[in-house]
Protein backbone atom coordinates (compact mmCIF):
# COMPACT_ATOMS: atom_id res chain seq x y z
CA MET A 1 117.90 34.88 -56.01
CA LYS A 2 119.28 31.99 -53.96
CA ILE A 3 119.97 28.56 -55.45
CA ASP A 4 120.64 25.57 -53.19
CA ILE A 5 121.90 22.39 -54.84
CA ARG A 6 122.39 19.11 -52.99
CA ILE A 7 125.16 17.32 -54.92
CA PRO A 8 123.91 13.85 -55.98
CA GLN A 9 125.94 10.64 -55.64
CA SER A 10 126.81 10.27 -59.33
CA PHE A 11 127.79 13.92 -59.88
CA PRO A 12 131.07 14.39 -61.85
CA GLU A 13 134.27 14.85 -59.81
CA LEU A 14 134.82 18.59 -60.21
CA THR A 15 136.25 21.53 -58.30
CA ILE A 16 133.99 24.44 -57.31
CA LYS A 17 135.56 26.49 -60.13
CA GLU A 18 134.86 23.75 -62.68
CA VAL A 19 131.28 23.30 -61.48
CA LEU A 20 130.50 27.00 -61.83
CA GLU A 21 132.39 27.55 -65.09
CA ASP A 22 132.05 24.35 -67.11
CA TYR A 23 128.99 22.58 -65.68
CA PHE A 24 126.66 25.42 -64.69
CA LEU A 25 127.93 27.72 -67.49
CA ILE A 26 127.85 30.80 -65.26
CA PRO A 27 129.26 33.79 -67.22
CA ARG A 28 132.67 35.13 -66.17
CA LYS A 29 131.27 38.46 -64.95
CA ILE A 30 128.75 36.74 -62.67
CA ARG A 31 131.39 34.27 -61.40
CA HIS A 32 133.51 37.30 -60.48
CA PHE A 33 130.62 38.79 -58.49
CA LEU A 34 130.01 35.47 -56.74
CA ARG A 35 133.64 35.28 -55.70
CA THR A 36 134.19 38.90 -54.63
CA LYS A 37 130.90 39.07 -52.72
CA LYS A 38 131.55 35.67 -51.10
CA HIS A 39 128.23 34.40 -52.44
CA VAL A 40 129.36 30.79 -52.84
CA ARG A 41 129.23 28.49 -49.84
CA VAL A 42 129.43 24.74 -49.35
CA ASN A 43 127.60 23.35 -46.33
CA GLY A 44 127.28 26.92 -45.04
CA GLU A 45 131.00 27.69 -45.18
CA LEU A 46 133.16 29.81 -47.50
CA ILE A 47 135.36 27.64 -49.68
CA ASN A 48 138.51 27.64 -51.81
CA TRP A 49 137.47 27.66 -55.47
CA GLN A 50 139.94 24.88 -56.24
CA SER A 51 138.37 22.61 -53.62
CA PRO A 52 136.56 19.53 -54.93
CA ILE A 53 132.85 19.22 -54.32
CA ALA A 54 131.63 15.89 -52.95
CA ALA A 55 128.40 13.91 -53.10
CA GLY A 56 126.01 15.07 -50.39
CA ASP A 57 127.48 18.58 -50.18
CA LEU A 58 125.05 21.50 -50.19
CA LEU A 59 126.19 24.11 -52.71
CA GLU A 60 124.67 27.52 -51.94
CA LEU A 61 124.73 30.27 -54.60
CA THR A 62 123.38 33.78 -54.02
CA PHE A 63 122.76 36.08 -57.00
CA ASP A 64 122.06 39.81 -56.80
CA GLU A 65 119.78 41.82 -59.08
CA GLU A 66 122.83 42.99 -61.08
CA ASP A 67 123.76 39.36 -61.77
CA TYR A 68 120.43 38.44 -63.32
CA PRO A 69 118.27 41.58 -63.77
CA GLU A 70 114.63 40.78 -63.11
CA LYS A 71 112.59 40.29 -66.27
CA THR A 72 108.88 40.97 -66.10
CA ILE A 73 106.23 39.93 -68.60
CA PRO A 74 102.43 40.20 -68.53
CA MET A 75 100.85 37.37 -66.55
CA GLY A 76 98.36 35.13 -68.36
CA GLN A 77 95.71 32.72 -67.04
CA ALA A 78 97.04 30.08 -64.66
CA ASP A 79 93.97 27.87 -65.14
CA LEU A 80 94.93 27.28 -68.80
CA VAL A 81 98.06 25.36 -67.76
CA GLU A 82 98.20 21.55 -67.55
CA GLU A 83 101.28 20.65 -65.52
CA LEU A 84 103.14 17.44 -66.36
CA TYR A 85 106.18 17.95 -64.10
CA GLN A 86 107.55 20.73 -61.92
CA ASP A 87 110.38 21.34 -59.45
CA GLU A 88 112.11 24.48 -58.24
CA HIS A 89 114.08 24.87 -61.47
CA LEU A 90 111.90 23.77 -64.39
CA ILE A 91 108.37 23.00 -65.46
CA ILE A 92 106.95 20.82 -68.24
CA VAL A 93 103.39 21.46 -69.40
CA ASN A 94 100.95 20.09 -71.98
CA LYS A 95 100.47 22.78 -74.63
CA PRO A 96 97.08 22.87 -76.38
CA GLU A 97 96.94 23.25 -80.15
CA GLY A 98 96.17 26.73 -81.45
CA MET A 99 98.26 28.54 -78.83
CA LYS A 100 101.63 30.21 -79.43
CA THR A 101 104.59 29.19 -77.26
CA HIS A 102 105.50 32.86 -76.76
CA GLY A 103 104.27 36.17 -78.11
CA ASN A 104 105.93 38.10 -80.93
CA GLU A 105 105.30 41.39 -79.14
CA PRO A 106 105.97 42.23 -75.45
CA THR A 107 102.26 42.64 -74.73
CA GLU A 108 101.07 39.53 -76.61
CA ILE A 109 99.76 36.79 -74.33
CA ALA A 110 100.84 33.22 -75.09
CA LEU A 111 101.64 29.97 -73.27
CA LEU A 112 104.76 31.49 -71.67
CA ASN A 113 102.57 34.10 -69.97
CA HIS A 114 100.10 31.48 -68.75
CA VAL A 115 102.91 29.30 -67.37
CA SER A 116 104.46 32.31 -65.62
CA ALA A 117 101.10 33.08 -63.99
CA TYR A 118 100.77 29.41 -62.93
CA VAL A 119 104.26 29.36 -61.39
CA GLY A 120 103.97 32.86 -59.92
CA GLN A 121 107.15 34.21 -61.52
CA THR A 122 108.59 34.93 -64.95
CA CYS A 123 109.57 31.73 -66.77
CA TYR A 124 111.81 31.25 -69.82
CA VAL A 125 111.39 29.37 -73.10
CA VAL A 126 113.76 26.42 -73.59
CA HIS A 127 112.30 25.08 -76.85
CA ARG A 128 109.20 25.82 -78.91
CA LEU A 129 106.25 24.07 -80.45
CA ASP A 130 104.45 25.43 -83.50
CA MET A 131 101.17 27.15 -82.68
CA GLU A 132 99.22 24.34 -84.37
CA THR A 133 101.11 21.58 -82.48
CA SER A 134 100.08 20.28 -79.05
CA GLY A 135 102.01 18.43 -76.39
CA ALA A 136 104.86 18.41 -73.88
CA ILE A 137 107.00 21.54 -73.70
CA LEU A 138 109.75 22.58 -71.28
CA PHE A 139 110.26 25.96 -69.57
CA ALA A 140 113.01 27.18 -67.22
CA LYS A 141 111.82 28.77 -63.98
CA ASN A 142 114.90 30.96 -63.47
CA PRO A 143 117.72 32.46 -65.59
CA PHE A 144 120.31 30.30 -63.81
CA ILE A 145 119.01 26.99 -65.19
CA LEU A 146 118.16 28.36 -68.67
CA PRO A 147 121.65 28.11 -70.29
CA ILE A 148 122.16 24.68 -68.74
CA LEU A 149 118.93 23.39 -70.31
CA ASN A 150 119.85 25.11 -73.59
CA ARG A 151 123.13 23.19 -73.58
CA LEU A 152 121.28 19.89 -73.06
CA LEU A 153 119.12 20.79 -76.05
CA GLU A 154 122.18 21.57 -78.17
CA ASP A 155 123.81 18.32 -77.03
CA LYS A 156 120.66 16.47 -78.17
CA VAL A 157 119.99 14.87 -74.78
CA ILE A 158 116.51 16.33 -74.32
CA TYR A 159 114.45 13.74 -76.18
CA ARG A 160 111.18 14.75 -77.85
CA ASP A 161 108.89 12.13 -79.37
CA TYR A 162 105.91 13.10 -81.50
CA LEU A 163 102.84 11.33 -82.81
CA ALA A 164 101.61 12.33 -86.26
CA LEU A 165 99.07 11.25 -88.85
CA CYS A 166 100.49 11.55 -92.33
CA GLN A 167 99.22 10.91 -95.84
CA GLY A 168 99.93 7.55 -97.44
CA HIS A 169 101.84 4.50 -96.22
CA LEU A 170 105.58 4.52 -95.64
CA LYS A 171 107.72 2.21 -97.76
CA GLN A 172 109.69 1.11 -94.69
CA GLU A 173 108.86 0.77 -91.01
CA SER A 174 111.80 2.93 -89.86
CA TRP A 175 113.19 5.90 -91.74
CA THR A 176 115.77 8.62 -91.06
CA ILE A 177 115.21 11.86 -92.97
CA THR A 178 118.29 14.09 -93.31
CA ASP A 179 117.24 16.75 -95.84
CA LYS A 180 118.51 20.25 -95.05
CA ILE A 181 115.83 22.85 -94.34
CA GLY A 182 115.81 26.51 -95.35
CA ARG A 183 113.41 29.43 -95.74
CA ASP A 184 110.87 29.63 -98.55
CA ARG A 185 111.72 32.86 -100.41
CA HIS A 186 108.16 33.09 -101.76
CA ASP A 187 106.29 32.67 -98.46
CA ARG A 188 107.71 33.98 -95.18
CA ARG A 189 105.53 31.58 -93.18
CA LYS A 190 106.96 28.46 -94.78
CA ARG A 191 110.16 26.41 -94.84
CA LEU A 192 111.35 24.00 -97.51
CA VAL A 193 114.03 21.42 -98.24
CA ASP A 194 117.14 23.27 -99.45
CA HIS A 195 120.12 20.99 -99.94
CA ARG A 196 122.42 23.86 -100.89
CA LYS A 197 121.73 26.62 -98.34
CA GLY A 198 119.59 24.86 -95.74
CA GLN A 199 120.47 23.94 -92.16
CA GLU A 200 121.17 20.38 -91.08
CA ALA A 201 117.99 18.61 -89.98
CA VAL A 202 117.52 15.01 -88.82
CA THR A 203 114.16 13.37 -88.14
CA TYR A 204 113.72 9.72 -87.11
CA VAL A 205 110.40 8.29 -88.29
CA LYS A 206 108.70 5.01 -87.39
CA GLN A 207 105.40 3.77 -88.81
CA LEU A 208 103.15 2.60 -85.96
CA GLU A 209 100.06 1.53 -87.89
CA LYS A 210 98.15 2.09 -91.10
CA VAL A 211 94.98 4.14 -90.64
CA GLY A 212 92.98 3.77 -93.82
CA LYS A 213 94.94 5.50 -96.57
CA ASN A 214 97.07 7.29 -93.96
CA SER A 215 99.72 6.30 -91.41
CA LEU A 216 100.10 6.90 -87.69
CA ILE A 217 103.80 7.54 -87.15
CA SER A 218 106.16 8.46 -84.34
CA CYS A 219 108.93 11.00 -84.91
CA ARG A 220 111.98 11.89 -82.84
CA LEU A 221 113.91 15.08 -83.52
CA GLU A 222 117.69 15.21 -83.42
CA THR A 223 117.60 18.84 -84.51
CA GLY A 224 114.95 21.48 -83.93
CA ARG A 225 114.37 23.39 -87.15
CA THR A 226 111.18 25.37 -87.66
CA HIS A 227 108.41 23.10 -89.03
CA GLN A 228 110.99 20.28 -89.29
CA ILE A 229 108.66 17.26 -89.13
CA ARG A 230 106.06 18.98 -91.30
CA VAL A 231 108.57 19.94 -94.01
CA HIS A 232 110.42 16.61 -94.03
CA LEU A 233 107.26 14.52 -94.37
CA ALA A 234 105.62 16.83 -96.93
CA HIS A 235 108.75 16.85 -99.10
CA HIS A 236 108.57 13.08 -99.40
CA GLY A 237 104.86 12.98 -100.22
CA HIS A 238 103.62 12.25 -96.70
CA ALA A 239 102.27 15.64 -95.59
CA LEU A 240 100.62 15.72 -92.18
CA ILE A 241 96.83 15.66 -92.11
CA GLY A 242 95.38 19.06 -91.27
CA ASP A 243 98.59 20.98 -91.97
CA PRO A 244 97.47 24.45 -93.10
CA LEU A 245 100.78 25.19 -94.84
CA TYR A 246 102.02 21.94 -96.35
CA SER A 247 98.99 19.68 -96.87
CA LYS A 248 95.86 19.74 -99.03
CA VAL A 249 94.06 17.33 -96.68
CA SER A 250 92.14 19.40 -94.16
CA ALA A 251 91.18 18.50 -90.59
CA PRO A 252 90.01 20.45 -87.53
CA ARG A 253 93.61 20.50 -86.28
CA LEU A 254 97.18 19.74 -87.35
CA MET A 255 97.72 16.07 -86.62
CA LEU A 256 101.01 16.51 -84.78
CA HIS A 257 101.37 16.01 -81.03
CA ALA A 258 104.46 16.05 -78.79
CA ALA A 259 103.58 12.93 -76.84
CA ARG A 260 106.72 12.37 -74.76
CA LEU A 261 109.63 14.40 -73.40
CA SER A 262 112.54 13.03 -71.40
CA LEU A 263 115.82 14.30 -69.98
CA THR A 264 118.27 13.81 -67.13
CA HIS A 265 117.87 16.69 -64.68
CA PRO A 266 121.25 18.50 -64.81
CA LEU A 267 121.24 19.39 -61.08
CA THR A 268 119.72 16.32 -59.43
CA LEU A 269 120.57 13.77 -62.18
CA GLU A 270 117.01 12.49 -61.82
CA GLU A 271 115.57 10.82 -64.93
CA ILE A 272 112.50 12.80 -65.97
CA ARG A 273 110.02 11.26 -68.42
CA VAL A 274 106.60 12.72 -69.08
CA GLU A 275 103.75 11.77 -71.38
CA ALA A 276 101.16 14.18 -72.72
CA ARG A 277 97.73 13.33 -74.10
CA SER A 278 95.52 15.32 -76.46
CA GLU A 279 91.80 14.66 -76.62
CA SER A 280 91.47 16.51 -79.92
CA PHE A 281 94.30 14.47 -81.53
CA GLU A 282 92.81 11.20 -80.30
CA LYS A 283 89.33 12.24 -81.45
CA GLU A 284 90.50 13.03 -84.99
CA LEU A 285 92.55 9.83 -85.10
CA LYS A 286 89.44 7.77 -84.32
CA LYS A 287 87.53 9.51 -87.11
CA SER A 288 90.24 8.71 -89.70
């Protein structure tokens, strides 16, 4: 696997060693292979690892099979994929409701398999959407970029904005929910608010408009707990319409859609913003 990176103008002032170790998060063992095999070049030339890298330089990294062993998964159906953005390192697609992000078993076919077929190579999950949720979701196209994107997720600089239809009207236009979330001991499928043993969870909620007895809201996640939006809203009496686990108000689908996703590309520093639409979400919203 060969990775070529043209250093952008606003890239941090770092040495080659710092770029590989601190910015690209390449494991020590793989950095050792890169150095001993002379698999790092700048503008086609071998370099001193303490040399600074400058804007406009072409950083060339070559990885062998032993660095990143090839992972193979069953290929799905490429025609089921709606691309929102793609470059040589990552792809963002519009996930339909009713489809898993990835399978629980090696042979189970899910969105990851369809995306891999669309791209023509094995891709990697960066974050997940519940099976019942639709919308924008990000995948890595190689194992080199995966830990870098995971770090952006941990640093809360991959922004995910959702649209949802919830029961009732909110008491305030903007609301930050900070209840901790844990497992439901009585139902393995469910999560619940658990202030004592739960994990930190932060959801920013804004009421967009009242829709009859319900509310159309936007939500932004600071954390990514399982069922976070669904649990937070249900706990406060505003369960999402059509939620099969947390709501008594049925609908043909869960009324939760990941409408926007944005991030700064860690290699090019390009600002990436995508919007995803869902015909089924919009159809149910009109019927409400």
